[in-house]
PDB file of N, CA and C in Angstrom:
ATOM      1  N   UNK A   1      12.141  -5.374 -60.332  1.00  0.00           N
ATOM      2  CA  UNK A   1      10.978  -6.324 -60.134  1.00  0.00           C
ATOM      3  C   UNK A   1      11.394  -7.402 -58.881  1.00  0.00           C
ATOM      4  N   UNK A   2      11.504  -6.669 -57.696  1.00  0.00           N
ATOM      5  CA  UNK A   2      11.744  -7.410 -56.541  1.00  0.00           C
ATOM      6  C   UNK A   2      10.707  -8.541 -56.190  1.00  0.00           C
ATOM      7  N   UNK A   3       9.359  -8.215 -56.747  1.00  0.00           N
ATOM      8  CA  UNK A   3       8.250  -9.077 -56.522  1.00  0.00           C
ATOM      9  C   UNK A   3       8.618 -10.560 -56.986  1.00  0.00           C
ATOM     10  N   UNK A   4       9.460 -10.516 -58.061  1.00  0.00           N
ATOM     11  CA  UNK A   4       9.667 -11.848 -58.585  1.00  0.00           C
ATOM     12  C   UNK A   4      10.759 -12.572 -57.980  1.00  0.00           C
ATOM     13  N   UNK A   5      11.485 -11.885 -56.886  1.00  0.00           N
ATOM     14  CA  UNK A   5      12.443 -12.679 -56.115  1.00  0.00           C
ATOM     15  C   UNK A   5      12.024 -12.962 -54.751  1.00  0.00           C
ATOM     16  N   UNK A   6      10.807 -12.544 -54.510  1.00  0.00           N
ATOM     17  CA  UNK A   6      10.134 -12.977 -53.224  1.00  0.00           C
ATOM     18  C   UNK A   6       9.780 -14.473 -53.145  1.00  0.00           C
ATOM     19  N   UNK A   7      10.491 -15.211 -52.281  1.00  0.00           N
ATOM     20  CA  UNK A   7      10.239 -16.678 -52.283  1.00  0.00           C
ATOM     21  C   UNK A   7       8.767 -17.140 -52.206  1.00  0.00           C
ATOM     22  N   UNK A   8       7.901 -16.448 -51.766  1.00  0.00           N
ATOM     23  CA  UNK A   8       6.292 -16.697 -51.565  1.00  0.00           C
ATOM     24  C   UNK A   8       5.848 -16.527 -53.042  1.00  0.00           C
ATOM     25  N   UNK A   9       6.175 -15.463 -53.695  1.00  0.00           N
ATOM     26  CA  UNK A   9       5.692 -15.272 -55.074  1.00  0.00           C
ATOM     27  C   UNK A   9       6.233 -16.410 -56.022  1.00  0.00           C
ATOM     28  N   UNK A  10       7.480 -16.782 -55.764  1.00  0.00           N
ATOM     29  CA  UNK A  10       8.014 -17.930 -56.630  1.00  0.00           C
ATOM     30  C   UNK A  10       7.135 -19.182 -56.323  1.00  0.00           C
ATOM     31  N   UNK A  11       6.889 -19.411 -54.981  1.00  0.00           N
ATOM     32  CA  UNK A  11       6.157 -20.525 -54.678  1.00  0.00           C
ATOM     33  C   UNK A  11       4.833 -20.538 -55.209  1.00  0.00           C
ATOM     34  N   UNK A  12       4.013 -19.493 -55.218  1.00  0.00           N
ATOM     35  CA  UNK A  12       2.675 -19.374 -55.768  1.00  0.00           C
ATOM     36  C   UNK A  12       2.780 -19.713 -57.290  1.00  0.00           C
ATOM     37  N   UNK A  13       3.748 -19.014 -57.932  1.00  0.00           N
ATOM     38  CA  UNK A  13       3.852 -19.237 -59.288  1.00  0.00           C
ATOM     39  C   UNK A  13       4.176 -20.749 -59.675  1.00  0.00           C
ATOM     40  N   UNK A  14       5.070 -21.366 -58.842  1.00  0.00           N
ATOM     41  CA  UNK A  14       5.295 -22.638 -59.048  1.00  0.00           C
ATOM     42  C   UNK A  14       4.171 -23.646 -58.958  1.00  0.00           C
ATOM     43  N   UNK A  15       3.334 -23.285 -57.747  1.00  0.00           N
ATOM     44  CA  UNK A  15       1.957 -24.035 -57.688  1.00  0.00           C
ATOM     45  C   UNK A  15       0.977 -23.813 -58.799  1.00  0.00           C
ATOM     46  N   UNK A  16       1.034 -22.628 -59.432  1.00  0.00           N
ATOM     47  CA  UNK A  16       0.112 -22.503 -60.583  1.00  0.00           C
ATOM     48  C   UNK A  16       0.688 -23.362 -61.659  1.00  0.00           C
ATOM     49  N   UNK A  17       2.003 -23.267 -61.872  1.00  0.00           N
ATOM     50  CA  UNK A  17       2.610 -24.145 -63.009  1.00  0.00           C
ATOM     51  C   UNK A  17       2.395 -25.746 -62.768  1.00  0.00           C
ATOM     52  N   UNK A  18       2.366 -26.035 -61.356  1.00  0.00           N
ATOM     53  CA  UNK A  18       2.038 -27.443 -61.111  1.00  0.00           C
ATOM     54  C   UNK A  18       0.601 -27.753 -61.442  1.00  0.00           C
ATOM     55  N   UNK A  19      -0.320 -26.837 -61.410  1.00  0.00           N
ATOM     56  CA  UNK A  19      -1.558 -27.078 -61.915  1.00  0.00           C
ATOM     57  C   UNK A  19      -1.597 -27.337 -63.347  1.00  0.00           C
ATOM     58  N   UNK A  20      -0.778 -26.595 -64.074  1.00  0.00           N
ATOM     59  CA  UNK A  20      -0.722 -26.746 -65.466  1.00  0.00           C
ATOM     60  C   UNK A  20      -0.266 -28.086 -65.989  1.00  0.00           C
ATOM     61  N   UNK A  21       0.723 -28.635 -65.216  1.00  0.00           N
ATOM     62  CA  UNK A  21       1.328 -29.927 -65.738  1.00  0.00           C
ATOM     63  C   UNK A  21       0.462 -31.040 -65.272  1.00  0.00           C
ATOM     64  N   UNK A  22      -0.094 -30.816 -64.096  1.00  0.00           N
ATOM     65  CA  UNK A  22      -1.080 -31.967 -63.613  1.00  0.00           C
ATOM     66  C   UNK A  22      -2.295 -32.014 -64.552  1.00  0.00           C
ATOM     67  N   UNK A  23      -2.811 -30.830 -64.817  1.00  0.00           N
ATOM     68  CA  UNK A  23      -3.926 -30.997 -65.821  1.00  0.00           C
ATOM     69  C   UNK A  23      -3.535 -31.406 -67.177  1.00  0.00           C
ATOM     70  N   UNK A  24      -2.288 -31.108 -67.611  1.00  0.00           N
ATOM     71  CA  UNK A  24      -1.805 -31.601 -68.880  1.00  0.00           C
ATOM     72  C   UNK A  24      -1.602 -33.186 -68.904  1.00  0.00           C
ATOM     73  N   UNK A  25      -1.049 -33.616 -67.846  1.00  0.00           N
ATOM     74  CA  UNK A  25      -1.129 -35.143 -67.593  1.00  0.00           C
ATOM     75  C   UNK A  25      -2.522 -35.724 -67.717  1.00  0.00           C
ATOM     76  N   UNK A  26      -3.564 -35.223 -67.301  1.00  0.00           N
ATOM     77  CA  UNK A  26      -4.832 -35.668 -67.288  1.00  0.00           C
ATOM     78  C   UNK A  26      -5.540 -35.591 -68.764  1.00  0.00           C
ATOM     79  N   UNK A  27      -5.333 -34.329 -69.329  1.00  0.00           N
ATOM     80  CA  UNK A  27      -6.163 -33.987 -70.405  1.00  0.00           C
ATOM     81  C   UNK A  27      -5.397 -33.950 -71.816  1.00  0.00           C
ATOM     82  N   UNK A  28      -4.112 -33.924 -71.944  1.00  0.00           N
ATOM     83  CA  UNK A  28      -3.335 -34.049 -73.201  1.00  0.00           C
ATOM     84  C   UNK A  28      -3.235 -35.534 -73.652  1.00  0.00           C
ATOM     85  N   UNK A  29      -3.769 -35.743 -74.632  1.00  0.00           N
ATOM     86  CA  UNK A  29      -3.723 -37.340 -75.123  1.00  0.00           C
ATOM     87  C   UNK A  29      -2.471 -37.500 -75.791  1.00  0.00           C
ATOM     88  N   UNK A  30      -2.105 -38.744 -75.821  1.00  0.00           N
ATOM     89  CA  UNK A  30      -0.934 -39.334 -76.318  1.00  0.00           C
ATOM     90  C   UNK A  30      -0.699 -38.792 -77.765  1.00  0.00           C
ATOM     91  N   UNK A  31      -1.817 -38.760 -78.502  1.00  0.00           N
ATOM     92  CA  UNK A  31      -1.767 -38.359 -79.996  1.00  0.00           C
ATOM     93  C   UNK A  31      -1.948 -36.927 -80.209  1.00  0.00           C
ATOM     94  N   UNK A  32      -1.838 -36.079 -79.093  1.00  0.00           N
ATOM     95  CA  UNK A  32      -2.010 -34.662 -79.200  1.00  0.00           C
ATOM     96  C   UNK A  32      -0.792 -34.093 -80.093  1.00  0.00           C
ATOM     97  N   UNK A  33      -0.887 -32.892 -80.509  1.00  0.00           N
ATOM     98  CA  UNK A  33       0.107 -32.209 -81.146  1.00  0.00           C
ATOM     99  C   UNK A  33       1.344 -32.032 -80.276  1.00  0.00           C
ATOM    100  N   UNK A  34       2.529 -32.047 -80.823  1.00  0.00           N
ATOM    101  CA  UNK A  34       3.912 -31.853 -80.193  1.00  0.00           C
ATOM    102  C   UNK A  34       3.861 -30.607 -79.255  1.00  0.00           C
ATOM    103  N   UNK A  35       3.282 -29.652 -79.435  1.00  0.00           N
ATOM    104  CA  UNK A  35       3.303 -28.456 -78.786  1.00  0.00           C
ATOM    105  C   UNK A  35       2.488 -28.401 -77.544  1.00  0.00           C
ATOM    106  N   UNK A  36       1.552 -29.316 -77.366  1.00  0.00           N
ATOM    107  CA  UNK A  36       0.843 -29.474 -76.169  1.00  0.00           C
ATOM    108  C   UNK A  36       1.736 -30.342 -75.125  1.00  0.00           C
ATOM    109  N   UNK A  37       2.400 -31.369 -75.654  1.00  0.00           N
ATOM    110  CA  UNK A  37       3.336 -32.073 -74.906  1.00  0.00           C
ATOM    111  C   UNK A  37       4.421 -31.264 -74.265  1.00  0.00           C
ATOM    112  N   UNK A  38       4.930 -30.329 -75.181  1.00  0.00           N
ATOM    113  CA  UNK A  38       5.903 -29.410 -74.888  1.00  0.00           C
ATOM    114  C   UNK A  38       5.481 -28.387 -73.825  1.00  0.00           C
ATOM    115  N   UNK A  39       4.208 -27.994 -73.828  1.00  0.00           N
ATOM    116  CA  UNK A  39       3.704 -27.104 -72.930  1.00  0.00           C
ATOM    117  C   UNK A  39       3.534 -27.756 -71.607  1.00  0.00           C
ATOM    118  N   UNK A  40       3.118 -28.988 -71.577  1.00  0.00           N
ATOM    119  CA  UNK A  40       3.103 -29.720 -70.355  1.00  0.00           C
ATOM    120  C   UNK A  40       4.581 -29.863 -69.754  1.00  0.00           C
ATOM    121  N   UNK A  41       5.551 -30.237 -70.491  1.00  0.00           N
ATOM    122  CA  UNK A  41       6.856 -30.466 -70.064  1.00  0.00           C
ATOM    123  C   UNK A  41       7.348 -28.952 -69.493  1.00  0.00           C
ATOM    124  N   UNK A  42       7.094 -27.922 -70.190  1.00  0.00           N
ATOM    125  CA  UNK A  42       7.580 -26.581 -69.754  1.00  0.00           C
ATOM    126  C   UNK A  42       6.836 -26.310 -68.595  1.00  0.00           C
ATOM    127  N   UNK A  43       5.663 -26.518 -68.302  1.00  0.00           N
ATOM    128  CA  UNK A  43       5.036 -26.209 -67.025  1.00  0.00           C
ATOM    129  C   UNK A  43       5.502 -27.063 -65.968  1.00  0.00           C
ATOM    130  N   UNK A  44       5.924 -28.259 -66.116  1.00  0.00           N
ATOM    131  CA  UNK A  44       6.610 -29.236 -65.258  1.00  0.00           C
ATOM    132  C   UNK A  44       7.993 -28.580 -64.934  1.00  0.00           C
ATOM    133  N   UNK A  45       8.812 -28.170 -65.860  1.00  0.00           N
ATOM    134  CA  UNK A  45      10.095 -27.649 -65.738  1.00  0.00           C
ATOM    135  C   UNK A  45      10.042 -26.306 -64.775  1.00  0.00           C
ATOM    136  N   UNK A  46       9.106 -25.564 -65.138  1.00  0.00           N
ATOM    137  CA  UNK A  46       8.967 -24.235 -64.540  1.00  0.00           C
ATOM    138  C   UNK A  46       8.459 -24.345 -63.058  1.00  0.00           C
ATOM    139  N   UNK A  47       7.646 -25.399 -62.835  1.00  0.00           N
ATOM    140  CA  UNK A  47       7.071 -25.658 -61.559  1.00  0.00           C
ATOM    141  C   UNK A  47       8.262 -26.226 -60.673  1.00  0.00           C
ATOM    142  N   UNK A  48       9.030 -27.055 -61.208  1.00  0.00           N
ATOM    143  CA  UNK A  48      10.168 -27.472 -60.304  1.00  0.00           C
ATOM    144  C   UNK A  48      11.315 -26.430 -60.069  1.00  0.00           C
ATOM    145  N   UNK A  49      11.512 -25.669 -61.152  1.00  0.00           N
ATOM    146  CA  UNK A  49      12.452 -24.493 -61.015  1.00  0.00           C
ATOM    147  C   UNK A  49      12.120 -23.627 -59.958  1.00  0.00           C
ATOM    148  N   UNK A  50      10.789 -23.291 -60.018  1.00  0.00           N
ATOM    149  CA  UNK A  50      10.350 -22.214 -59.106  1.00  0.00           C
ATOM    150  C   UNK A  50      10.203 -22.647 -57.677  1.00  0.00           C
ATOM    151  N   UNK A  51       9.911 -24.025 -57.470  1.00  0.00           N
ATOM    152  CA  UNK A  51       9.932 -24.580 -56.127  1.00  0.00           C
ATOM    153  C   UNK A  51      11.424 -24.746 -55.546  1.00  0.00           C
ATOM    154  N   UNK A  52      12.289 -25.040 -56.433  1.00  0.00           N
ATOM    155  CA  UNK A  52      13.707 -25.026 -56.110  1.00  0.00           C
ATOM    156  C   UNK A  52      14.063 -23.765 -55.699  1.00  0.00           C
ATOM    157  N   UNK A  53      13.897 -22.576 -56.419  1.00  0.00           N
ATOM    158  CA  UNK A  53      14.265 -21.341 -55.982  1.00  0.00           C
ATOM    159  C   UNK A  53      13.639 -20.878 -54.670  1.00  0.00           C
ATOM    160  N   UNK A  54      12.457 -21.117 -54.406  1.00  0.00           N
ATOM    161  CA  UNK A  54      11.726 -20.722 -53.186  1.00  0.00           C
ATOM    162  C   UNK A  54      12.366 -21.452 -51.953  1.00  0.00           C
ATOM    163  N   UNK A  55      12.755 -22.769 -52.265  1.00  0.00           N
ATOM    164  CA  UNK A  55      13.238 -23.448 -51.164  1.00  0.00           C
ATOM    165  C   UNK A  55      14.653 -22.926 -50.740  1.00  0.00           C
ATOM    166  N   UNK A  56      15.306 -22.194 -51.569  1.00  0.00           N
ATOM    167  CA  UNK A  56      16.532 -21.569 -51.194  1.00  0.00           C
ATOM    168  C   UNK A  56      16.281 -20.633 -49.882  1.00  0.00           C
ATOM    169  N   UNK A  57      15.135 -19.944 -49.750  1.00  0.00           N
ATOM    170  CA  UNK A  57      14.771 -19.155 -48.583  1.00  0.00           C
ATOM    171  C   UNK A  57      13.817 -19.610 -47.503  1.00  0.00           C
ATOM    172  N   UNK A  58      12.892 -20.645 -47.991  1.00  0.00           N
ATOM    173  CA  UNK A  58      11.912 -21.143 -47.066  1.00  0.00           C
ATOM    174  C   UNK A  58      12.448 -22.476 -46.740  1.00  0.00           C
ATOM    175  N   UNK A  59      11.744 -22.830 -45.478  1.00  0.00           N
ATOM    176  CA  UNK A  59      12.047 -24.230 -45.085  1.00  0.00           C
ATOM    177  C   UNK A  59      11.352 -25.214 -46.160  1.00  0.00           C
ATOM    178  N   UNK A  60      12.022 -26.365 -46.307  1.00  0.00           N
ATOM    179  CA  UNK A  60      11.748 -27.278 -47.330  1.00  0.00           C
ATOM    180  C   UNK A  60      10.250 -27.864 -47.096  1.00  0.00           C
ATOM    181  N   UNK A  61      10.053 -28.177 -45.786  1.00  0.00           N
ATOM    182  CA  UNK A  61       8.690 -28.731 -45.625  1.00  0.00           C
ATOM    183  C   UNK A  61       7.473 -27.866 -45.810  1.00  0.00           C
ATOM    184  N   UNK A  62       7.766 -26.652 -45.509  1.00  0.00           N
ATOM    185  CA  UNK A  62       6.817 -25.500 -45.675  1.00  0.00           C
ATOM    186  C   UNK A  62       6.521 -25.437 -47.172  1.00  0.00           C
ATOM    187  N   UNK A  63       7.667 -25.139 -47.793  1.00  0.00           N
ATOM    188  CA  UNK A  63       7.589 -24.830 -49.283  1.00  0.00           C
ATOM    189  C   UNK A  63       6.950 -25.976 -50.023  1.00  0.00           C
ATOM    190  N   UNK A  64       7.340 -27.102 -49.819  1.00  0.00           N
ATOM    191  CA  UNK A  64       6.871 -28.479 -50.548  1.00  0.00           C
ATOM    192  C   UNK A  64       5.286 -28.583 -50.162  1.00  0.00           C
ATOM    193  N   UNK A  65       4.832 -28.326 -48.826  1.00  0.00           N
ATOM    194  CA  UNK A  65       3.455 -28.545 -48.518  1.00  0.00           C
ATOM    195  C   UNK A  65       2.543 -27.436 -49.240  1.00  0.00           C
ATOM    196  N   UNK A  66       3.127 -26.341 -49.137  1.00  0.00           N
ATOM    197  CA  UNK A  66       2.275 -25.118 -49.939  1.00  0.00           C
ATOM    198  C   UNK A  66       2.322 -25.315 -51.339  1.00  0.00           C
ATOM    199  N   UNK A  67       3.335 -25.772 -52.007  1.00  0.00           N
ATOM    200  CA  UNK A  67       3.341 -26.028 -53.436  1.00  0.00           C
ATOM    201  C   UNK A  67       2.464 -27.097 -53.863  1.00  0.00           C
ATOM    202  N   UNK A  68       2.351 -28.190 -53.121  1.00  0.00           N
ATOM    203  CA  UNK A  68       1.553 -29.177 -53.441  1.00  0.00           C
ATOM    204  C   UNK A  68       0.131 -28.906 -53.124  1.00  0.00           C
ATOM    205  N   UNK A  69      -0.068 -28.067 -52.023  1.00  0.00           N
ATOM    206  CA  UNK A  69      -1.456 -27.597 -51.629  1.00  0.00           C
ATOM    207  C   UNK A  69      -2.052 -26.685 -52.583  1.00  0.00           C
ATOM    208  N   UNK A  70      -1.209 -25.865 -53.195  1.00  0.00           N
ATOM    209  CA  UNK A  70      -1.708 -24.937 -54.295  1.00  0.00           C
ATOM    210  C   UNK A  70      -1.940 -25.855 -55.444  1.00  0.00           C
ATOM    211  N   UNK A  71      -1.221 -26.604 -55.771  1.00  0.00           N
ATOM    212  CA  UNK A  71      -1.516 -27.542 -57.143  1.00  0.00           C
ATOM    213  C   UNK A  71      -2.744 -28.513 -56.814  1.00  0.00           C
ATOM    214  N   UNK A  72      -2.892 -29.100 -55.716  1.00  0.00           N
ATOM    215  CA  UNK A  72      -4.185 -29.771 -55.373  1.00  0.00           C
ATOM    216  C   UNK A  72      -5.275 -29.013 -55.215  1.00  0.00           C
ATOM    217  N   UNK A  73      -5.285 -28.165 -54.644  1.00  0.00           N
ATOM    218  CA  UNK A  73      -6.515 -27.140 -54.498  1.00  0.00           C
ATOM    219  C   UNK A  73      -6.944 -26.611 -55.773  1.00  0.00           C
ATOM    220  N   UNK A  74      -5.885 -26.047 -56.671  1.00  0.00           N
ATOM    221  CA  UNK A  74      -6.226 -25.442 -57.904  1.00  0.00           C
ATOM    222  C   UNK A  74      -6.864 -26.610 -58.848  1.00  0.00           C
ATOM    223  N   UNK A  75      -6.175 -27.645 -58.871  1.00  0.00           N
ATOM    224  CA  UNK A  75      -6.679 -28.748 -59.830  1.00  0.00           C
ATOM    225  C   UNK A  75      -8.151 -29.178 -59.659  1.00  0.00           C
ATOM    226  N   UNK A  76      -8.230 -29.460 -58.158  1.00  0.00           N
ATOM    227  CA  UNK A  76      -9.633 -29.882 -57.650  1.00  0.00           C
ATOM    228  C   UNK A  76     -10.629 -28.854 -57.985  1.00  0.00           C
ATOM    229  N   UNK A  77     -10.391 -27.577 -57.683  1.00  0.00           N
ATOM    230  CA  UNK A  77     -11.273 -26.482 -58.051  1.00  0.00           C
ATOM    231  C   UNK A  77     -11.548 -26.415 -59.454  1.00  0.00           C
ATOM    232  N   UNK A  78     -10.595 -26.418 -60.311  1.00  0.00           N
ATOM    233  CA  UNK A  78     -10.845 -26.318 -61.781  1.00  0.00           C
ATOM    234  C   UNK A  78     -11.602 -27.521 -62.179  1.00  0.00           C
ATOM    235  N   UNK A  79     -11.217 -28.688 -61.606  1.00  0.00           N
ATOM    236  CA  UNK A  79     -12.233 -29.990 -61.887  1.00  0.00           C
ATOM    237  C   UNK A  79     -13.614 -29.769 -61.638  1.00  0.00           C
ATOM    238  N   UNK A  80     -13.926 -29.092 -60.589  1.00  0.00           N
ATOM    239  CA  UNK A  80     -15.167 -28.725 -60.203  1.00  0.00           C
ATOM    240  C   UNK A  80     -15.950 -27.635 -61.076  1.00  0.00           C
ATOM    241  N   UNK A  81     -15.155 -26.680 -61.355  1.00  0.00           N
ATOM    242  CA  UNK A  81     -15.805 -25.384 -62.009  1.00  0.00           C
ATOM    243  C   UNK A  81     -15.758 -25.487 -63.648  1.00  0.00           C
ATOM    244  N   UNK A  82     -14.625 -26.219 -64.076  1.00  0.00           N
ATOM    245  CA  UNK A  82     -14.453 -26.326 -65.484  1.00  0.00           C
ATOM    246  C   UNK A  82     -14.921 -27.655 -66.001  1.00  0.00           C
ATOM    247  N   UNK A  83     -14.500 -28.851 -65.357  1.00  0.00           N
ATOM    248  CA  UNK A  83     -14.793 -29.970 -65.817  1.00  0.00           C
ATOM    249  C   UNK A  83     -15.976 -30.781 -65.321  1.00  0.00           C
ATOM    250  N   UNK A  84     -16.683 -30.034 -64.600  1.00  0.00           N
ATOM    251  CA  UNK A  84     -17.975 -30.506 -63.890  1.00  0.00           C
ATOM    252  C   UNK A  84     -17.729 -31.923 -63.050  1.00  0.00           C
ATOM    253  N   UNK A  85     -16.601 -31.976 -62.315  1.00  0.00           N
ATOM    254  CA  UNK A  85     -16.447 -32.953 -61.295  1.00  0.00           C
ATOM    255  C   UNK A  85     -17.314 -32.631 -60.264  1.00  0.00           C
ATOM    256  N   UNK A  86     -17.585 -33.935 -59.371  1.00  0.00           N
ATOM    257  CA  UNK A  86     -18.634 -33.490 -58.182  1.00  0.00           C
ATOM    258  C   UNK A  86     -18.049 -32.529 -57.399  1.00  0.00           C
ATOM    259  N   UNK A  87     -18.956 -31.749 -56.811  1.00  0.00           N
ATOM    260  CA  UNK A  87     -18.834 -30.789 -55.856  1.00  0.00           C
ATOM    261  C   UNK A  87     -19.611 -30.982 -54.555  1.00  0.00           C
ATOM    262  N   UNK A  88     -19.305 -32.117 -53.918  1.00  0.00           N
ATOM    263  CA  UNK A  88     -20.182 -32.431 -52.622  1.00  0.00           C
ATOM    264  C   UNK A  88     -19.696 -31.535 -51.478  1.00  0.00           C
ATOM    265  N   UNK A  89     -20.519 -31.641 -50.496  1.00  0.00           N
ATOM    266  CA  UNK A  89     -20.176 -30.730 -49.350  1.00  0.00           C
ATOM    267  C   UNK A  89     -18.970 -31.154 -48.648  1.00  0.00           C
ATOM    268  N   UNK A  90     -18.737 -32.435 -48.610  1.00  0.00           N
ATOM    269  CA  UNK A  90     -17.460 -32.892 -47.973  1.00  0.00           C
ATOM    270  C   UNK A  90     -16.156 -32.477 -48.771  1.00  0.00           C
ATOM    271  N   UNK A  91     -16.372 -32.733 -50.094  1.00  0.00           N
ATOM    272  CA  UNK A  91     -15.242 -32.364 -51.118  1.00  0.00           C
ATOM    273  C   UNK A  91     -14.865 -30.948 -50.808  1.00  0.00           C
ATOM    274  N   UNK A  92     -15.902 -30.027 -50.835  1.00  0.00           N
ATOM    275  CA  UNK A  92     -15.433 -28.497 -50.564  1.00  0.00           C
ATOM    276  C   UNK A  92     -15.082 -28.392 -49.189  1.00  0.00           C
ATOM    277  N   UNK A  93     -15.514 -29.062 -48.238  1.00  0.00           N
ATOM    278  CA  UNK A  93     -14.906 -28.968 -46.863  1.00  0.00           C
ATOM    279  C   UNK A  93     -13.451 -29.236 -46.766  1.00  0.00           C
ATOM    280  N   UNK A  94     -13.023 -30.445 -47.375  1.00  0.00           N
ATOM    281  CA  UNK A  94     -11.694 -30.720 -47.229  1.00  0.00           C
ATOM    282  C   UNK A  94     -10.812 -29.889 -48.181  1.00  0.00           C
ATOM    283  N   UNK A  95     -11.257 -29.389 -49.428  1.00  0.00           N
ATOM    284  CA  UNK A  95     -10.573 -28.356 -50.144  1.00  0.00           C
ATOM    285  C   UNK A  95     -10.308 -27.092 -49.224  1.00  0.00           C
ATOM    286  N   UNK A  96     -11.389 -26.685 -48.424  1.00  0.00           N
ATOM    287  CA  UNK A  96     -11.242 -25.629 -47.614  1.00  0.00           C
ATOM    288  C   UNK A  96     -10.034 -25.942 -46.602  1.00  0.00           C
ATOM    289  N   UNK A  97     -10.054 -27.151 -46.127  1.00  0.00           N
ATOM    290  CA  UNK A  97      -9.055 -27.481 -45.110  1.00  0.00           C
ATOM    291  C   UNK A  97      -7.677 -27.338 -45.734  1.00  0.00           C
ATOM    292  N   UNK A  98      -7.438 -27.790 -47.057  1.00  0.00           N
ATOM    293  CA  UNK A  98      -6.239 -27.394 -47.652  1.00  0.00           C
ATOM    294  C   UNK A  98      -5.864 -25.895 -47.737  1.00  0.00           C
ATOM    295  N   UNK A  99      -6.807 -25.160 -48.052  1.00  0.00           N
ATOM    296  CA  UNK A  99      -6.571 -23.823 -48.242  1.00  0.00           C
ATOM    297  C   UNK A  99      -6.245 -23.157 -46.839  1.00  0.00           C
ATOM    298  N   UNK A 100      -6.953 -23.580 -45.788  1.00  0.00           N
ATOM    299  CA  UNK A 100      -6.612 -23.217 -44.308  1.00  0.00           C
ATOM    300  C   UNK A 100      -5.209 -23.720 -44.110  1.00  0.00           C
ATOM    301  N   UNK A 101      -4.688 -24.716 -44.476  1.00  0.00           N
ATOM    302  CA  UNK A 101      -3.363 -25.274 -44.053  1.00  0.00           C
ATOM    303  C   UNK A 101      -2.365 -24.388 -44.889  1.00  0.00           C
ATOM    304  N   UNK A 102      -2.583 -23.970 -46.102  1.00  0.00           N
ATOM    305  CA  UNK A 102      -1.658 -23.168 -46.801  1.00  0.00           C
ATOM    306  C   UNK A 102      -1.678 -21.790 -46.280  1.00  0.00           C
ATOM    307  N   UNK A 103      -2.655 -21.111 -46.005  1.00  0.00           N
ATOM    308  CA  UNK A 103      -2.724 -19.867 -45.157  1.00  0.00           C
ATOM    309  C   UNK A 103      -1.940 -20.032 -43.866  1.00  0.00           C
ATOM    310  N   UNK A 104      -2.306 -21.084 -43.100  1.00  0.00           N
ATOM    311  CA  UNK A 104      -1.734 -21.216 -41.734  1.00  0.00           C
ATOM    312  C   UNK A 104      -0.186 -21.402 -41.963  1.00  0.00           C
ATOM    313  N   UNK A 105       0.286 -22.348 -42.910  1.00  0.00           N
ATOM    314  CA  UNK A 105       1.877 -22.340 -42.942  1.00  0.00           C
ATOM    315  C   UNK A 105       2.476 -21.060 -43.370  1.00  0.00           C
ATOM    316  N   UNK A 106       1.853 -20.187 -44.108  1.00  0.00           N
ATOM    317  CA  UNK A 106       2.334 -18.937 -44.477  1.00  0.00           C
ATOM    318  C   UNK A 106       2.398 -18.115 -43.286  1.00  0.00           C
ATOM    319  N   UNK A 107       1.373 -18.105 -42.438  1.00  0.00           N
ATOM    320  CA  UNK A 107       1.293 -17.290 -41.260  1.00  0.00           C
ATOM    321  C   UNK A 107       2.325 -17.665 -40.118  1.00  0.00           C
ATOM    322  N   UNK A 108       2.623 -18.892 -40.040  1.00  0.00           N
ATOM    323  CA  UNK A 108       3.528 -19.183 -38.985  1.00  0.00           C
ATOM    324  C   UNK A 108       5.017 -19.477 -39.461  1.00  0.00           C
ATOM    325  N   UNK A 109       5.306 -19.245 -40.704  1.00  0.00           N
ATOM    326  CA  UNK A 109       6.552 -19.418 -41.351  1.00  0.00           C
ATOM    327  C   UNK A 109       7.586 -18.540 -40.759  1.00  0.00           C
ATOM    328  N   UNK A 110       7.172 -17.370 -40.435  1.00  0.00           N
ATOM    329  CA  UNK A 110       8.074 -16.260 -39.874  1.00  0.00           C
ATOM    330  C   UNK A 110       8.878 -15.510 -41.098  1.00  0.00           C
ATOM    331  N   UNK A 111       8.552 -15.942 -42.303  1.00  0.00           N
ATOM    332  CA  UNK A 111       9.035 -15.156 -43.399  1.00  0.00           C
ATOM    333  C   UNK A 111       8.166 -14.144 -43.937  1.00  0.00           C
ATOM    334  N   UNK A 112       8.671 -13.249 -44.796  1.00  0.00           N
ATOM    335  CA  UNK A 112       7.976 -12.171 -45.166  1.00  0.00           C
ATOM    336  C   UNK A 112       7.738 -12.443 -46.690  1.00  0.00           C
TER     337      UNK A 112
END
């Protein structure tokens, strides 16, 4: 499963885990069952571990920017689609800029 050792795969998985803990911070209430808090903590730990592993092969600035971009783009998109947050033209435009930035950093990274 060489796929799971590719630093870009690790980075994308870390970004997805980042979405999990960020949404957990927002929507898991303090009186929620213990397992919900454990799930948020597990997503946080997995996100950080995957970022750490990806940074062993990728430039730190690129890895961190892509990781945070995936998390921000994902949480904002889920906020619009699932939680009915505002979807203004400007908001969509700026989310598209984040996506373009992620793609651009991958394109110019020189990594495979």
